[in-house]
PDB file of N, CA and C in Angstrom:
ATOM      1  N   MET A   1     157.775  85.567 105.856  1.00  0.00           N
ATOM      2  CA  MET A   1     158.492  84.783 106.833  1.00  0.00           C
ATOM      3  C   MET A   1     158.668  85.591 108.117  1.00  0.00           C
ATOM      4  N   TYR A   2     158.578  84.883 109.216  1.00  0.00           N
ATOM      5  CA  TYR A   2     158.736  85.505 110.527  1.00  0.00           C
ATOM      6  C   TYR A   2     159.710  84.675 111.358  1.00  0.00           C
ATOM      7  N   TRP A   3     160.179  85.246 112.464  1.00  0.00           N
ATOM      8  CA  TRP A   3     161.092  84.534 113.349  1.00  0.00           C
ATOM      9  C   TRP A   3     160.403  83.383 114.060  1.00  0.00           C
ATOM     10  N   GLY A   4     159.118  83.489 114.261  1.00  0.00           N
ATOM     11  CA  GLY A   4     158.410  82.411 114.952  1.00  0.00           C
ATOM     12  C   GLY A   4     156.911  82.632 114.905  1.00  0.00           C
ATOM     13  N   LEU A   5     156.186  81.668 115.439  1.00  0.00           N
ATOM     14  CA  LEU A   5     154.729  81.718 115.424  1.00  0.00           C
ATOM     15  C   LEU A   5     154.194  82.901 116.223  1.00  0.00           C
ATOM     16  N   GLU A   6     154.768  83.160 117.390  1.00  0.00           N
ATOM     17  CA  GLU A   6     154.285  84.263 118.215  1.00  0.00           C
ATOM     18  C   GLU A   6     154.406  85.604 117.482  1.00  0.00           C
ATOM     19  N   GLU A   7     155.559  85.834 116.858  1.00  0.00           N
ATOM     20  CA  GLU A   7     155.750  87.076 116.112  1.00  0.00           C
ATOM     21  C   GLU A   7     154.768  87.164 114.949  1.00  0.00           C
ATOM     22  N   PHE A   8     154.586  86.074 114.243  1.00  0.00           N
ATOM     23  CA  PHE A   8     153.628  86.034 113.138  1.00  0.00           C
ATOM     24  C   PHE A   8     152.228  86.421 113.617  1.00  0.00           C
ATOM     25  N   LEU A   9     151.781  85.835 114.717  1.00  0.00           N
ATOM     26  CA  LEU A   9     150.432  86.108 115.225  1.00  0.00           C
ATOM     27  C   LEU A   9     150.264  87.565 115.648  1.00  0.00           C
ATOM     28  N   TYR A  10     151.241  88.115 116.356  1.00  0.00           N
ATOM     29  CA  TYR A  10     151.152  89.516 116.770  1.00  0.00           C
ATOM     30  C   TYR A  10     151.134  90.458 115.569  1.00  0.00           C
ATOM     31  N   CYS A  11     152.023  90.218 114.611  1.00  0.00           N
ATOM     32  CA  CYS A  11     152.090  91.095 113.436  1.00  0.00           C
ATOM     33  C   CYS A  11     150.813  91.015 112.597  1.00  0.00           C
ATOM     34  N   GLU A  12     150.320  89.818 112.391  1.00  0.00           N
ATOM     35  CA  GLU A  12     149.088  89.657 111.601  1.00  0.00           C
ATOM     36  C   GLU A  12     147.893  90.275 112.314  1.00  0.00           C
ATOM     37  N   ALA A  13     147.800  90.108 113.619  1.00  0.00           N
ATOM     38  CA  ALA A  13     146.706  90.720 114.372  1.00  0.00           C
ATOM     39  C   ALA A  13     146.775  92.240 114.282  1.00  0.00           C
ATOM     40  N   PHE A  14     147.958  92.803 114.415  1.00  0.00           N
ATOM     41  CA  PHE A  14     148.137  94.252 114.317  1.00  0.00           C
ATOM     42  C   PHE A  14     147.736  94.741 112.928  1.00  0.00           C
ATOM     43  N   LYS A  15     148.158  93.996 111.908  1.00  0.00           N
ATOM     44  CA  LYS A  15     147.858  94.365 110.516  1.00  0.00           C
ATOM     45  C   LYS A  15     146.365  94.246 110.220  1.00  0.00           C
ATOM     46  N   GLU A  16     145.716  93.218 110.746  1.00  0.00           N
ATOM     47  CA  GLU A  16     144.315  92.960 110.421  1.00  0.00           C
ATOM     48  C   GLU A  16     143.322  93.642 111.359  1.00  0.00           C
ATOM     49  N   LEU A  17     143.734  93.958 112.581  1.00  0.00           N
ATOM     50  CA  LEU A  17     142.804  94.525 113.551  1.00  0.00           C
ATOM     51  C   LEU A  17     143.079  95.991 113.878  1.00  0.00           C
ATOM     52  N   ARG A  18     144.318  96.367 114.087  1.00  0.00           N
ATOM     53  CA  ARG A  18     144.621  97.750 114.483  1.00  0.00           C
ATOM     54  C   ARG A  18     144.713  98.693 113.295  1.00  0.00           C
ATOM     55  N   LEU A  19     145.514  98.355 112.307  1.00  0.00           N
ATOM     56  CA  LEU A  19     145.721  99.284 111.186  1.00  0.00           C
ATOM     57  C   LEU A  19     144.439  99.624 110.413  1.00  0.00           C
ATOM     58  N   PRO A  20     143.504  98.683 110.210  1.00  0.00           N
ATOM     59  CA  PRO A  20     142.265  99.058 109.516  1.00  0.00           C
ATOM     60  C   PRO A  20     141.415 100.090 110.261  1.00  0.00           C
ATOM     61  N   GLN A  21     141.654 100.299 111.546  1.00  0.00           N
ATOM     62  CA  GLN A  21     140.929 101.321 112.302  1.00  0.00           C
ATOM     63  C   GLN A  21     141.387 102.735 111.948  1.00  0.00           C
ATOM     64  N   LEU A  22     142.512 102.831 111.263  1.00  0.00           N
ATOM     65  CA  LEU A  22     143.076 104.135 110.903  1.00  0.00           C
ATOM     66  C   LEU A  22     142.792 104.390 109.415  1.00  0.00           C
ATOM     67  N   PRO A  23     142.051 105.436 109.101  1.00  0.00           N
ATOM     68  CA  PRO A  23     141.610 105.638 107.718  1.00  0.00           C
ATOM     69  C   PRO A  23     142.705 106.037 106.725  1.00  0.00           C
ATOM     70  N   PHE A  24     143.821 106.546 107.199  1.00  0.00           N
ATOM     71  CA  PHE A  24     144.890 106.995 106.304  1.00  0.00           C
ATOM     72  C   PHE A  24     146.112 106.119 106.535  1.00  0.00           C
ATOM     73  N   ARG A  25     146.535 105.399 105.472  1.00  0.00           N
ATOM     74  CA  ARG A  25     147.661 104.481 105.608  1.00  0.00           C
ATOM     75  C   ARG A  25     148.607 104.617 104.424  1.00  0.00           C
ATOM     76  N   ARG A  26     149.882 104.426 104.721  1.00  0.00           N
ATOM     77  CA  ARG A  26     150.926 104.428 103.687  1.00  0.00           C
ATOM     78  C   ARG A  26     151.849 103.251 103.930  1.00  0.00           C
ATOM     79  N   LYS A  27     152.339 102.680 102.846  1.00  0.00           N
ATOM     80  CA  LYS A  27     153.289 101.566 102.931  1.00  0.00           C
ATOM     81  C   LYS A  27     154.614 101.992 102.332  1.00  0.00           C
ATOM     82  N   PHE A  28     155.684 101.622 103.001  1.00  0.00           N
ATOM     83  CA  PHE A  28     157.053 101.899 102.580  1.00  0.00           C
ATOM     84  C   PHE A  28     157.761 100.556 102.441  1.00  0.00           C
ATOM     85  N   SER A  29     158.594 100.393 101.429  1.00  0.00           N
ATOM     86  CA  SER A  29     159.338  99.140 101.252  1.00  0.00           C
ATOM     87  C   SER A  29     160.755  99.421 100.798  1.00  0.00           C
ATOM     88  N   SER A  30     161.695  98.661 101.347  1.00  0.00           N
ATOM     89  CA  SER A  30     163.058  98.720 100.837  1.00  0.00           C
ATOM     90  C   SER A  30     163.094  97.948  99.525  1.00  0.00           C
ATOM     91  N   PRO A  31     164.116  98.143  98.695  1.00  0.00           N
ATOM     92  CA  PRO A  31     164.204  97.393  97.435  1.00  0.00           C
ATOM     93  C   PRO A  31     164.254  95.881  97.703  1.00  0.00           C
ATOM     94  N   ASP A  32     163.690  95.097  96.786  1.00  0.00           N
ATOM     95  CA  ASP A  32     163.690  93.639  96.930  1.00  0.00           C
ATOM     96  C   ASP A  32     165.090  93.049  96.786  1.00  0.00           C
ATOM     97  N   ASP A  33     165.928  93.720  96.031  1.00  0.00           N
ATOM     98  CA  ASP A  33     167.294  93.253  95.826  1.00  0.00           C
ATOM     99  C   ASP A  33     168.080  93.441  97.126  1.00  0.00           C
ATOM    100  N   ALA A  34     168.639  92.363  97.657  1.00  0.00           N
ATOM    101  CA  ALA A  34     169.335  92.415  98.947  1.00  0.00           C
ATOM    102  C   ALA A  34     170.498  93.397  98.938  1.00  0.00           C
ATOM    103  N   ASP A  35     171.239  93.477  97.829  1.00  0.00           N
ATOM    104  CA  ASP A  35     172.367  94.408  97.770  1.00  0.00           C
ATOM    105  C   ASP A  35     171.894  95.853  97.847  1.00  0.00           C
ATOM    106  N   ALA A  36     170.829  96.167  97.107  1.00  0.00           N
ATOM    107  CA  ALA A  36     170.277  97.529  97.128  1.00  0.00           C
ATOM    108  C   ALA A  36     169.627  97.826  98.481  1.00  0.00           C
ATOM    109  N   ALA A  37     168.976  96.822  99.058  1.00  0.00           N
ATOM    110  CA  ALA A  37     168.292  97.016 100.344  1.00  0.00           C
ATOM    111  C   ALA A  37     169.271  97.296 101.468  1.00  0.00           C
ATOM    112  N   ALA A  38     170.486  96.797 101.346  1.00  0.00           N
ATOM    113  CA  ALA A  38     171.486  96.983 102.400  1.00  0.00           C
ATOM    114  C   ALA A  38     171.808  98.461 102.635  1.00  0.00           C
ATOM    115  N   ALA A  39     171.540  99.302 101.635  1.00  0.00           N
ATOM    116  CA  ALA A  39     171.812 100.732 101.771  1.00  0.00           C
ATOM    117  C   ALA A  39     170.784 101.422 102.685  1.00  0.00           C
ATOM    118  N   PHE A  40     169.655 100.781 102.894  1.00  0.00           N
ATOM    119  CA  PHE A  40     168.596 101.349 103.733  1.00  0.00           C
ATOM    120  C   PHE A  40     168.627 100.655 105.092  1.00  0.00           C
ATOM    121  N   ARG A  41     168.320 101.379 106.134  1.00  0.00           N
ATOM    122  CA  ARG A  41     168.408 100.825 107.486  1.00  0.00           C
ATOM    123  C   ARG A  41     167.060 100.897 108.199  1.00  0.00           C
ATOM    124  N   SER A  42     166.581  99.749 108.638  1.00  0.00           N
ATOM    125  CA  SER A  42     165.313  99.720 109.365  1.00  0.00           C
ATOM    126  C   SER A  42     165.440 100.393 110.728  1.00  0.00           C
ATOM    127  N   GLY A  43     166.654 100.491 111.254  1.00  0.00           N
ATOM    128  CA  GLY A  43     166.862 101.158 112.530  1.00  0.00           C
ATOM    129  C   GLY A  43     166.455 102.625 112.500  1.00  0.00           C
ATOM    130  N   VAL A  44     166.556 103.242 111.331  1.00  0.00           N
ATOM    131  CA  VAL A  44     166.135 104.641 111.186  1.00  0.00           C
ATOM    132  C   VAL A  44     164.628 104.754 111.425  1.00  0.00           C
ATOM    133  N   VAL A  45     163.875 103.764 110.944  1.00  0.00           N
ATOM    134  CA  VAL A  45     162.417 103.751 111.137  1.00  0.00           C
ATOM    135  C   VAL A  45     162.102 103.676 112.626  1.00  0.00           C
ATOM    136  N   SER A  46     162.759 102.767 113.329  1.00  0.00           N
ATOM    137  CA  SER A  46     162.522 102.616 114.768  1.00  0.00           C
ATOM    138  C   SER A  46     162.872 103.889 115.534  1.00  0.00           C
ATOM    139  N   ALA A  47     164.004 104.480 115.209  1.00  0.00           N
ATOM    140  CA  ALA A  47     164.434 105.707 115.897  1.00  0.00           C
ATOM    141  C   ALA A  47     163.460 106.856 115.653  1.00  0.00           C
ATOM    142  N   LEU A  48     163.012 107.008 114.410  1.00  0.00           N
ATOM    143  CA  LEU A  48     162.078 108.084 114.096  1.00  0.00           C
ATOM    144  C   LEU A  48     160.715 107.843 114.745  1.00  0.00           C
ATOM    145  N   ALA A  49     160.287 106.591 114.798  1.00  0.00           N
ATOM    146  CA  ALA A  49     159.008 106.275 115.452  1.00  0.00           C
ATOM    147  C   ALA A  49     159.043 106.721 116.913  1.00  0.00           C
ATOM    148  N   VAL A  50     160.108 106.406 117.606  1.00  0.00           N
ATOM    149  CA  VAL A  50     160.247 106.804 119.013  1.00  0.00           C
ATOM    150  C   VAL A  50     160.306 108.328 119.121  1.00  0.00           C
ATOM    151  N   GLU A  51     161.041 108.954 118.216  1.00  0.00           N
ATOM    152  CA  GLU A  51     161.153 110.429 118.208  1.00  0.00           C
ATOM    153  C   GLU A  51     159.790 111.086 118.023  1.00  0.00           C
ATOM    154  N   LYS A  52     158.910 110.456 117.262  1.00  0.00           N
ATOM    155  CA  LYS A  52     157.581 111.012 116.976  1.00  0.00           C
ATOM    156  C   LYS A  52     156.525 110.602 118.000  1.00  0.00           C
ATOM    157  N   GLY A  53     156.961 109.993 119.102  1.00  0.00           N
ATOM    158  CA  GLY A  53     156.040 109.697 120.188  1.00  0.00           C
ATOM    159  C   GLY A  53     155.399 108.322 120.158  1.00  0.00           C
ATOM    160  N   PHE A  54     155.845 107.450 119.268  1.00  0.00           N
ATOM    161  CA  PHE A  54     155.312 106.094 119.229  1.00  0.00           C
ATOM    162  C   PHE A  54     155.960 105.270 120.340  1.00  0.00           C
ATOM    163  N   GLU A  55     155.191 104.343 120.906  1.00  0.00           N
ATOM    164  CA  GLU A  55     155.730 103.425 121.903  1.00  0.00           C
ATOM    165  C   GLU A  55     155.739 102.025 121.305  1.00  0.00           C
ATOM    166  N   ARG A  56     156.832 101.332 121.501  1.00  0.00           N
ATOM    167  CA  ARG A  56     156.952  99.967 120.977  1.00  0.00           C
ATOM    168  C   ARG A  56     156.131  99.017 121.841  1.00  0.00           C
ATOM    169  N   ILE A  57     155.395  98.121 121.165  1.00  0.00           N
ATOM    170  CA  ILE A  57     154.550  97.157 121.851  1.00  0.00           C
ATOM    171  C   ILE A  57     155.275  95.818 121.918  1.00  0.00           C
ATOM    172  N   PRO A  58     155.500  95.278 123.130  1.00  0.00           N
ATOM    173  CA  PRO A  58     156.120  93.953 123.233  1.00  0.00           C
ATOM    174  C   PRO A  58     155.075  92.879 122.894  1.00  0.00           C
ATOM    175  N   PRO A  59     155.405  91.654 122.663  1.00  0.00           N
ATOM    176  CA  PRO A  59     156.690  91.014 122.844  1.00  0.00           C
ATOM    177  C   PRO A  59     157.473  90.850 121.547  1.00  0.00           C
ATOM    178  N   VAL A  60     156.969  91.353 120.437  1.00  0.00           N
ATOM    179  CA  VAL A  60     157.633  91.170 119.145  1.00  0.00           C
ATOM    180  C   VAL A  60     159.035  91.763 119.210  1.00  0.00           C
ATOM    181  N   GLU A  61     160.049  90.980 118.810  1.00  0.00           N
ATOM    182  CA  GLU A  61     161.429  91.433 118.936  1.00  0.00           C
ATOM    183  C   GLU A  61     162.099  91.748 117.606  1.00  0.00           C
ATOM    184  N   HIS A  62     161.917  90.906 116.604  1.00  0.00           N
ATOM    185  CA  HIS A  62     162.594  91.140 115.328  1.00  0.00           C
ATOM    186  C   HIS A  62     161.844  92.192 114.509  1.00  0.00           C
ATOM    187  N   CYS A  63     160.580  91.959 114.280  1.00  0.00           N
ATOM    188  CA  CYS A  63     159.737  92.990 113.672  1.00  0.00           C
ATOM    189  C   CYS A  63     159.366  93.951 114.810  1.00  0.00           C
ATOM    190  N   ALA A  64     158.605  94.983 114.509  1.00  0.00           N
ATOM    191  CA  ALA A  64     158.255  95.919 115.577  1.00  0.00           C
ATOM    192  C   ALA A  64     156.859  96.486 115.373  1.00  0.00           C
ATOM    193  N   LEU A  65     156.128  96.606 116.469  1.00  0.00           N
ATOM    194  CA  LEU A  65     154.803  97.211 116.479  1.00  0.00           C
ATOM    195  C   LEU A  65     154.900  98.486 117.303  1.00  0.00           C
ATOM    196  N   TYR A  66     154.386  99.593 116.749  1.00  0.00           N
ATOM    197  CA  TYR A  66     154.431 100.879 117.441  1.00  0.00           C
ATOM    198  C   TYR A  66     153.030 101.476 117.488  1.00  0.00           C
ATOM    199  N   GLU A  67     152.716 102.133 118.600  1.00  0.00           N
ATOM    200  CA  GLU A  67     151.393 102.731 118.808  1.00  0.00           C
ATOM    201  C   GLU A  67     151.560 104.082 119.475  1.00  0.00           C
ATOM    202  N   ARG A  68     150.676 105.025 119.114  1.00  0.00           N
ATOM    203  CA  ARG A  68     150.652 106.291 119.850  1.00  0.00           C
ATOM    204  C   ARG A  68     149.244 106.856 119.989  1.00  0.00           C
ATOM    205  N   GLY A  69     148.211 106.048 119.796  1.00  0.00           N
ATOM    206  CA  GLY A  69     146.833 106.495 119.973  1.00  0.00           C
ATOM    207  C   GLY A  69     146.205 106.951 118.676  1.00  0.00           C
ATOM    208  N   ASP A  70     146.737 108.028 118.085  1.00  0.00           N
ATOM    209  CA  ASP A  70     146.197 108.546 116.826  1.00  0.00           C
ATOM    210  C   ASP A  70     146.893 107.947 115.604  1.00  0.00           C
ATOM    211  N   ALA A  71     147.919 107.122 115.844  1.00  0.00           N
ATOM    212  CA  ALA A  71     148.689 106.553 114.742  1.00  0.00           C
ATOM    213  C   ALA A  71     149.320 105.232 115.191  1.00  0.00           C
ATOM    214  N   ALA A  72     149.644 104.404 114.202  1.00  0.00           N
ATOM    215  CA  ALA A  72     150.283 103.116 114.487  1.00  0.00           C
ATOM    216  C   ALA A  72     151.254 102.794 113.358  1.00  0.00           C
ATOM    217  N   LEU A  73     152.244 101.960 113.670  1.00  0.00           N
ATOM    218  CA  LEU A  73     153.255 101.596 112.683  1.00  0.00           C
ATOM    219  C   LEU A  73     153.625 100.124 112.883  1.00  0.00           C
ATOM    220  N   LEU A  74     153.647  99.385 111.781  1.00  0.00           N
ATOM    221  CA  LEU A  74     154.088  97.991 111.780  1.00  0.00           C
ATOM    222  C   LEU A  74     155.339  97.894 110.927  1.00  0.00           C
ATOM    223  N   LEU A  75     156.452  97.538 111.540  1.00  0.00           N
ATOM    224  CA  LEU A  75     157.729  97.385 110.846  1.00  0.00           C
ATOM    225  C   LEU A  75     157.999  95.905 110.670  1.00  0.00           C
ATOM    226  N   TYR A  76     158.058  95.453 109.415  1.00  0.00           N
ATOM    227  CA  TYR A  76     158.354  94.051 109.110  1.00  0.00           C
ATOM    228  C   TYR A  76     159.798  93.955 108.635  1.00  0.00           C
ATOM    229  N   ARG A  77     160.568  93.113 109.294  1.00  0.00           N
ATOM    230  CA  ARG A  77     161.948  92.844 108.882  1.00  0.00           C
ATOM    231  C   ARG A  77     162.032  91.385 108.445  1.00  0.00           C
ATOM    232  N   HIS A  78     162.537  91.166 107.236  1.00  0.00           N
ATOM    233  CA  HIS A  78     162.716  89.800 106.755  1.00  0.00           C
ATOM    234  C   HIS A  78     163.698  89.093 107.681  1.00  0.00           C
ATOM    235  N   PRO A  79     163.454  87.818 108.036  1.00  0.00           N
ATOM    236  CA  PRO A  79     164.322  87.153 108.998  1.00  0.00           C
ATOM    237  C   PRO A  79     165.725  86.806 108.485  1.00  0.00           C
ATOM    238  N   ILE A  80     165.922  86.775 107.171  1.00  0.00           N
ATOM    239  CA  ILE A  80     167.216  86.372 106.629  1.00  0.00           C
ATOM    240  C   ILE A  80     167.868  87.491 105.821  1.00  0.00           C
ATOM    241  N   GLN A  81     167.104  88.125 104.963  1.00  0.00           N
ATOM    242  CA  GLN A  81     167.639  89.172 104.091  1.00  0.00           C
ATOM    243  C   GLN A  81     167.548  90.536 104.760  1.00  0.00           C
ATOM    244  N   PRO A  82     168.273  91.535 104.243  1.00  0.00           N
ATOM    245  CA  PRO A  82     168.237  92.872 104.852  1.00  0.00           C
ATOM    246  C   PRO A  82     167.021  93.704 104.411  1.00  0.00           C
ATOM    247  N   THR A  83     166.039  93.086 103.767  1.00  0.00           N
ATOM    248  CA  THR A  83     164.875  93.830 103.292  1.00  0.00           C
ATOM    249  C   THR A  83     163.882  94.063 104.435  1.00  0.00           C
ATOM    250  N   PHE A  84     163.122  95.134 104.317  1.00  0.00           N
ATOM    251  CA  PHE A  84     162.110  95.447 105.319  1.00  0.00           C
ATOM    252  C   PHE A  84     161.025  96.295 104.674  1.00  0.00           C
ATOM    253  N   SER A  85     159.906  96.377 105.349  1.00  0.00           N
ATOM    254  CA  SER A  85     158.813  97.259 104.925  1.00  0.00           C
ATOM    255  C   SER A  85     158.103  97.723 106.180  1.00  0.00           C
ATOM    256  N   PHE A  86     157.356  98.801 106.048  1.00  0.00           N
ATOM    257  CA  PHE A  86     156.540  99.222 107.170  1.00  0.00           C
ATOM    258  C   PHE A  86     155.290  99.908 106.677  1.00  0.00           C
ATOM    259  N   VAL A  87     154.239  99.783 107.476  1.00  0.00           N
ATOM    260  CA  VAL A  87     152.953 100.408 107.198  1.00  0.00           C
ATOM    261  C   VAL A  87     152.708 101.401 108.321  1.00  0.00           C
ATOM    262  N   LEU A  88     152.356 102.602 107.921  1.00  0.00           N
ATOM    263  CA  LEU A  88     152.073 103.682 108.850  1.00  0.00           C
ATOM    264  C   LEU A  88     150.606 104.047 108.693  1.00  0.00           C
ATOM    265  N   GLY A  89     149.862 104.076 109.778  1.00  0.00           N
ATOM    266  CA  GLY A  89     148.457 104.451 109.747  1.00  0.00           C
ATOM    267  C   GLY A  89     148.202 105.625 110.667  1.00  0.00           C
ATOM    268  N   CYS A  90     147.211 106.460 110.300  1.00  0.00           N
ATOM    269  CA  CYS A  90     146.940 107.666 111.086  1.00  0.00           C
ATOM    270  C   CYS A  90     145.455 108.028 111.003  1.00  0.00           C
ATOM    271  N   ASP A  91     144.949 108.674 112.049  1.00  0.00           N
ATOM    272  CA  ASP A  91     143.557 109.137 112.084  1.00  0.00           C
ATOM    273  C   ASP A  91     143.320 110.373 111.222  1.00  0.00           C
ATOM    274  N   ASP A  92     144.320 111.214 111.085  1.00  0.00           N
ATOM    275  CA  ASP A  92     144.172 112.528 110.464  1.00  0.00           C
ATOM    276  C   ASP A  92     145.005 112.622 109.185  1.00  0.00           C
ATOM    277  N   SER A  93     144.410 113.119 108.108  1.00  0.00           N
ATOM    278  CA  SER A  93     145.121 113.183 106.821  1.00  0.00           C
ATOM    279  C   SER A  93     146.300 114.162 106.859  1.00  0.00           C
ATOM    280  N   ALA A  94     146.153 115.288 107.546  1.00  0.00           N
ATOM    281  CA  ALA A  94     147.255 116.253 107.620  1.00  0.00           C
ATOM    282  C   ALA A  94     148.418 115.683 108.415  1.00  0.00           C
ATOM    283  N   GLU A  95     148.126 115.014 109.511  1.00  0.00           N
ATOM    284  CA  GLU A  95     149.183 114.384 110.316  1.00  0.00           C
ATOM    285  C   GLU A  95     149.846 113.268 109.523  1.00  0.00           C
ATOM    286  N   MET A  96     149.048 112.516 108.757  1.00  0.00           N
ATOM    287  CA  MET A  96     149.620 111.452 107.920  1.00  0.00           C
ATOM    288  C   MET A  96     150.580 112.043 106.896  1.00  0.00           C
ATOM    289  N   ALA A  97     150.190 113.128 106.262  1.00  0.00           N
ATOM    290  CA  ALA A  97     151.051 113.761 105.264  1.00  0.00           C
ATOM    291  C   ALA A  97     152.371 114.198 105.889  1.00  0.00           C
ATOM    292  N   GLN A  98     152.294 114.774 107.083  1.00  0.00           N
ATOM    293  CA  GLN A  98     153.508 115.227 107.763  1.00  0.00           C
ATOM    294  C   GLN A  98     154.392 114.039 108.156  1.00  0.00           C
ATOM    295  N   LEU A  99     153.789 113.005 108.749  1.00  0.00           N
ATOM    296  CA  LEU A  99     154.565 111.824 109.139  1.00  0.00           C
ATOM    297  C   LEU A  99     155.181 111.139 107.918  1.00  0.00           C
ATOM    298  N   ALA A 100     154.388 110.987 106.863  1.00  0.00           N
ATOM    299  CA  ALA A 100     154.890 110.335 105.652  1.00  0.00           C
ATOM    300  C   ALA A 100     156.084 111.092 105.083  1.00  0.00           C
ATOM    301  N   GLN A 101     155.984 112.411 105.053  1.00  0.00           N
ATOM    302  CA  GLN A 101     157.088 113.218 104.533  1.00  0.00           C
ATOM    303  C   GLN A 101     158.351 113.033 105.383  1.00  0.00           C
ATOM    304  N   GLU A 102     158.190 113.016 106.692  1.00  0.00           N
ATOM    305  CA  GLU A 102     159.354 112.836 107.562  1.00  0.00           C
ATOM    306  C   GLU A 102     159.969 111.446 107.408  1.00  0.00           C
ATOM    307  N   PHE A 103     159.130 110.410 107.321  1.00  0.00           N
ATOM    308  CA  PHE A 103     159.666 109.066 107.133  1.00  0.00           C
ATOM    309  C   PHE A 103     160.324 108.931 105.759  1.00  0.00           C
ATOM    310  N   GLU A 104     159.745 109.539 104.725  1.00  0.00           N
ATOM    311  CA  GLU A 104     160.361 109.489 103.392  1.00  0.00           C
ATOM    312  C   GLU A 104     161.715 110.192 103.395  1.00  0.00           C
ATOM    313  N   THR A 105     161.772 111.353 104.021  1.00  0.00           N
ATOM    314  CA  THR A 105     163.014 112.129 104.060  1.00  0.00           C
ATOM    315  C   THR A 105     164.104 111.387 104.820  1.00  0.00           C
ATOM    316  N   ARG A 106     163.756 110.859 105.983  1.00  0.00           N
ATOM    317  CA  ARG A 106     164.772 110.214 106.830  1.00  0.00           C
ATOM    318  C   ARG A 106     165.189 108.833 106.338  1.00  0.00           C
ATOM    319  N   THR A 107     164.260 108.084 105.705  1.00  0.00           N
ATOM    320  CA  THR A 107     164.605 106.725 105.275  1.00  0.00           C
ATOM    321  C   THR A 107     165.082 106.668 103.833  1.00  0.00           C
ATOM    322  N   GLY A 108     164.718 107.672 103.026  1.00  0.00           N
ATOM    323  CA  GLY A 108     165.046 107.626 101.605  1.00  0.00           C
ATOM    324  C   GLY A 108     164.103 106.758 100.808  1.00  0.00           C
ATOM    325  N   LEU A 109     163.047 106.249 101.444  1.00  0.00           N
ATOM    326  CA  LEU A 109     162.058 105.406 100.773  1.00  0.00           C
ATOM    327  C   LEU A 109     160.837 106.223 100.397  1.00  0.00           C
ATOM    328  N   ARG A 110     160.160 105.839  99.352  1.00  0.00           N
ATOM    329  CA  ARG A 110     158.916 106.485  98.940  1.00  0.00           C
ATOM    330  C   ARG A 110     157.747 105.637  99.404  1.00  0.00           C
ATOM    331  N   SER A 111     156.652 106.283  99.737  1.00  0.00           N
ATOM    332  CA  SER A 111     155.477 105.567 100.220  1.00  0.00           C
ATOM    333  C   SER A 111     154.394 105.507  99.167  1.00  0.00           C
ATOM    334  N   ILE A 112     153.506 104.534  99.339  1.00  0.00           N
ATOM    335  CA  ILE A 112     152.316 104.447  98.505  1.00  0.00           C
ATOM    336  C   ILE A 112     151.112 104.414  99.428  1.00  0.00           C
ATOM    337  N   VAL A 113     150.016 105.006  98.988  1.00  0.00           N
ATOM    338  CA  VAL A 113     148.783 105.015  99.765  1.00  0.00           C
ATOM    339  C   VAL A 113     148.170 103.626  99.694  1.00  0.00           C
ATOM    340  N   THR A 114     147.750 103.107 100.851  1.00  0.00           N
ATOM    341  CA  THR A 114     147.099 101.805 100.890  1.00  0.00           C
ATOM    342  C   THR A 114     145.734 101.953 101.549  1.00  0.00           C
ATOM    343  N   ARG A 115     144.933 100.949 101.423  1.00  0.00           N
ATOM    344  CA  ARG A 115     143.584 100.939 102.041  1.00  0.00           C
ATOM    345  C   ARG A 115     143.460  99.758 102.949  1.00  0.00           C
TER     346      ARG A 115
END
């Protein structure tokens, strides 16, 4: 679910066109249970992305698209529940390992390798 058609189109395009260009990807998800998910904050993801040099791509407002050239991040926020997930992609395996570790440490979420 998305806030609207425009957000859906931007997020899907980013997921289908930009992220596959990056050979190393990890997915992070908050718990599906809304009560458990409330303990995790998607704002931490946004703050860390900016700290690591990512720039937010408009016009998506509820979810977020981030780019920095060698890496990209798609943050999906459920429109009603406090659950969220994000996919982080990177050109370099060592940089991916470092970014993944920092996002895991700061968010408290564990990542899985995706293709």
